[in-house]
């Protein structure tokens, strides 16, 4: 298994568990205002986007010293992912909420988790092919291309 693939797979696991922990970090901190920048304060969509963004940024900062300087367009790929993931999460969340308004909670978690996996593999393909934004554009135009 290649080093970038190992980092991406470990990143998926970290983002899942760290994002889950960030859901409660504000409460655990004793409601400190500075922690509200990173964790969910209440149950809004915006607050939940932070749960994916901050752990993913931490993964990118951890990856860079090991693999980032060896890959072209590392920060381009990560930046695209960091901005595309919240947009895609919002689009998918509101789409399936409109289509399936009574969807069970566990299915929502499964949907968001699979979205995170999909994002990480899109990012991995971008890094491996060193193509920056073009992979994301191709994927958005044709979701079955990846």
Protein backbone atom coordinates (compact mmCIF):
# COMPACT_ATOMS: atom_id res chain seq x y z
CA UNK A 1 0.00 0.00 0.00
CA UNK A 2 1.42 3.38 -0.98
CA UNK A 3 2.16 6.05 1.60
CA UNK A 4 -0.45 8.53 0.24
CA UNK A 5 -3.11 5.81 0.35
CA UNK A 6 -2.22 4.96 3.96
CA UNK A 7 -2.46 8.63 4.95
CA UNK A 8 -5.83 9.03 3.22
CA UNK A 9 -7.30 5.90 4.82
CA UNK A 10 -6.05 6.91 8.27
CA UNK A 11 -7.36 10.42 7.55
CA UNK A 12 -10.85 9.06 6.90
CA UNK A 13 -10.81 7.25 10.24
CA UNK A 14 -9.44 10.30 12.08
CA UNK A 15 -11.97 12.69 10.50
CA UNK A 16 -14.84 10.38 11.42
CA UNK A 17 -13.84 10.06 15.09
CA UNK A 18 -12.53 13.62 15.53
CA UNK A 19 -15.65 15.02 13.86
CA UNK A 20 -17.77 12.99 16.26
CA UNK A 21 -15.75 14.33 19.21
CA UNK A 22 -15.93 17.91 17.91
CA UNK A 23 -19.71 17.58 18.18
CA UNK A 24 -19.34 17.65 21.96
CA UNK A 25 -16.10 19.62 22.46
CA UNK A 26 -17.89 22.91 23.17
CA UNK A 27 -19.87 21.36 26.00
CA UNK A 28 -16.81 19.48 27.32
CA UNK A 29 -14.82 22.74 27.40
CA UNK A 30 -17.27 24.35 29.81
CA UNK A 31 -18.82 26.42 27.00
CA UNK A 32 -15.68 28.43 26.26
CA UNK A 33 -16.21 30.86 23.42
CA UNK A 34 -12.92 30.09 21.66
CA UNK A 35 -13.91 26.41 21.39
CA UNK A 36 -17.13 27.45 19.63
CA UNK A 37 -14.99 28.19 16.56
CA UNK A 38 -14.14 24.51 16.24
CA UNK A 39 -17.06 22.54 17.68
CA UNK A 40 -20.81 22.44 17.30
CA UNK A 41 -22.61 24.90 19.56
CA UNK A 42 -26.13 23.89 18.51
CA UNK A 43 -27.79 21.62 15.96
CA UNK A 44 -27.60 23.79 12.83
CA UNK A 45 -26.21 22.75 9.48
CA UNK A 46 -23.47 25.38 9.75
CA UNK A 47 -22.30 23.98 13.07
CA UNK A 48 -22.10 20.49 11.60
CA UNK A 49 -19.96 21.67 8.69
CA UNK A 50 -17.30 22.62 11.22
CA UNK A 51 -17.24 19.00 12.37
CA UNK A 52 -15.84 17.95 8.99
CA UNK A 53 -13.76 21.03 8.16
CA UNK A 54 -11.48 21.28 11.21
CA UNK A 55 -10.51 17.61 11.47
CA UNK A 56 -9.86 17.56 7.72
CA UNK A 57 -7.63 20.62 8.02
CA UNK A 58 -5.72 18.88 10.83
CA UNK A 59 -5.24 15.84 8.59
CA UNK A 60 -3.90 18.05 5.80
CA UNK A 61 -1.45 19.76 8.16
CA UNK A 62 -0.28 16.36 9.42
CA UNK A 63 0.03 14.90 5.91
CA UNK A 64 2.04 17.72 4.41
CA UNK A 65 5.41 17.10 6.12
CA UNK A 66 5.29 13.43 5.14
CA UNK A 67 3.82 13.42 1.64
CA UNK A 68 2.85 16.96 0.65
CA UNK A 69 6.26 18.15 -0.49
CA UNK A 70 6.64 15.03 -2.66
CA UNK A 71 3.37 15.63 -4.54
CA UNK A 72 2.45 18.29 -7.01
CA UNK A 73 -0.64 20.31 -6.19
CA UNK A 74 -0.99 19.00 -2.63
CA UNK A 75 -2.45 22.24 -1.28
CA UNK A 76 -4.53 22.77 -4.41
CA UNK A 77 -6.16 19.37 -3.94
CA UNK A 78 -6.64 19.84 -0.20
CA UNK A 79 -8.04 23.36 -0.66
CA UNK A 80 -10.52 22.17 -3.26
CA UNK A 81 -11.57 19.38 -0.94
CA UNK A 82 -11.90 21.66 2.08
CA UNK A 83 -14.21 23.98 0.15
CA UNK A 84 -16.07 21.34 -1.87
CA UNK A 85 -16.90 19.06 1.04
CA UNK A 86 -19.16 21.56 2.88
CA UNK A 87 -20.92 22.47 -0.37
CA UNK A 88 -21.52 18.83 -1.21
CA UNK A 89 -22.62 18.00 2.33
CA UNK A 90 -25.19 20.82 2.29
CA UNK A 91 -26.45 19.84 -1.17
CA UNK A 92 -26.76 16.17 -0.25
CA UNK A 93 -28.25 16.84 3.19
CA UNK A 94 -30.99 19.15 1.94
CA UNK A 95 -31.67 16.97 -1.10
CA UNK A 96 -32.24 13.77 0.81
CA UNK A 97 -34.05 15.62 3.60
CA UNK A 98 -36.49 16.96 1.01
CA UNK A 99 -36.89 13.58 -0.66
CA UNK A 100 -36.95 11.46 2.53
CA UNK A 101 -38.23 13.75 5.31
CA UNK A 102 -38.72 10.89 7.79
CA UNK A 103 -35.33 9.25 7.28
CA UNK A 104 -34.01 7.65 10.44
CA UNK A 105 -31.09 9.22 12.27
CA UNK A 106 -28.72 6.27 11.70
CA UNK A 107 -29.28 6.51 7.94
CA UNK A 108 -28.38 10.21 8.03
CA UNK A 109 -25.13 9.40 9.83
CA UNK A 110 -24.40 6.66 7.30
CA UNK A 111 -25.06 9.10 4.46
CA UNK A 112 -22.71 11.74 5.84
CA UNK A 113 -20.04 9.15 6.60
CA UNK A 114 -20.19 7.78 3.07
CA UNK A 115 -19.93 11.36 1.80
CA UNK A 116 -16.70 11.75 3.78
CA UNK A 117 -15.31 8.53 2.30
CA UNK A 118 -16.25 9.69 -1.19
CA UNK A 119 -14.57 13.06 -0.62
CA UNK A 120 -11.35 11.45 0.62
CA UNK A 121 -11.12 9.14 -2.39
CA UNK A 122 -11.81 12.03 -4.78
CA UNK A 123 -8.95 13.86 -3.07
CA UNK A 124 -6.69 10.80 -3.26
CA UNK A 125 -7.30 10.46 -6.97
CA UNK A 126 -6.54 14.16 -7.41
CA UNK A 127 -3.25 13.76 -5.59
CA UNK A 128 -2.20 10.60 -7.35
CA UNK A 129 -2.92 11.98 -10.80
CA UNK A 130 -1.56 15.42 -9.87
CA UNK A 131 -4.36 17.15 -11.72
CA UNK A 132 -5.68 19.66 -9.16
CA UNK A 133 -9.15 20.99 -9.95
CA UNK A 134 -9.79 19.03 -13.14
CA UNK A 135 -10.66 15.77 -11.30
CA UNK A 136 -13.26 17.54 -9.18
CA UNK A 137 -14.75 19.21 -12.27
CA UNK A 138 -14.91 15.89 -14.11
CA UNK A 139 -16.54 14.28 -11.07
CA UNK A 140 -19.14 17.02 -10.69
CA UNK A 141 -20.02 16.77 -14.39
CA UNK A 142 -20.03 12.96 -14.38
CA UNK A 143 -20.32 11.36 -10.91
CA UNK A 144 -19.78 7.87 -12.36
CA UNK A 145 -16.35 8.79 -13.75
CA UNK A 146 -14.56 7.90 -10.52
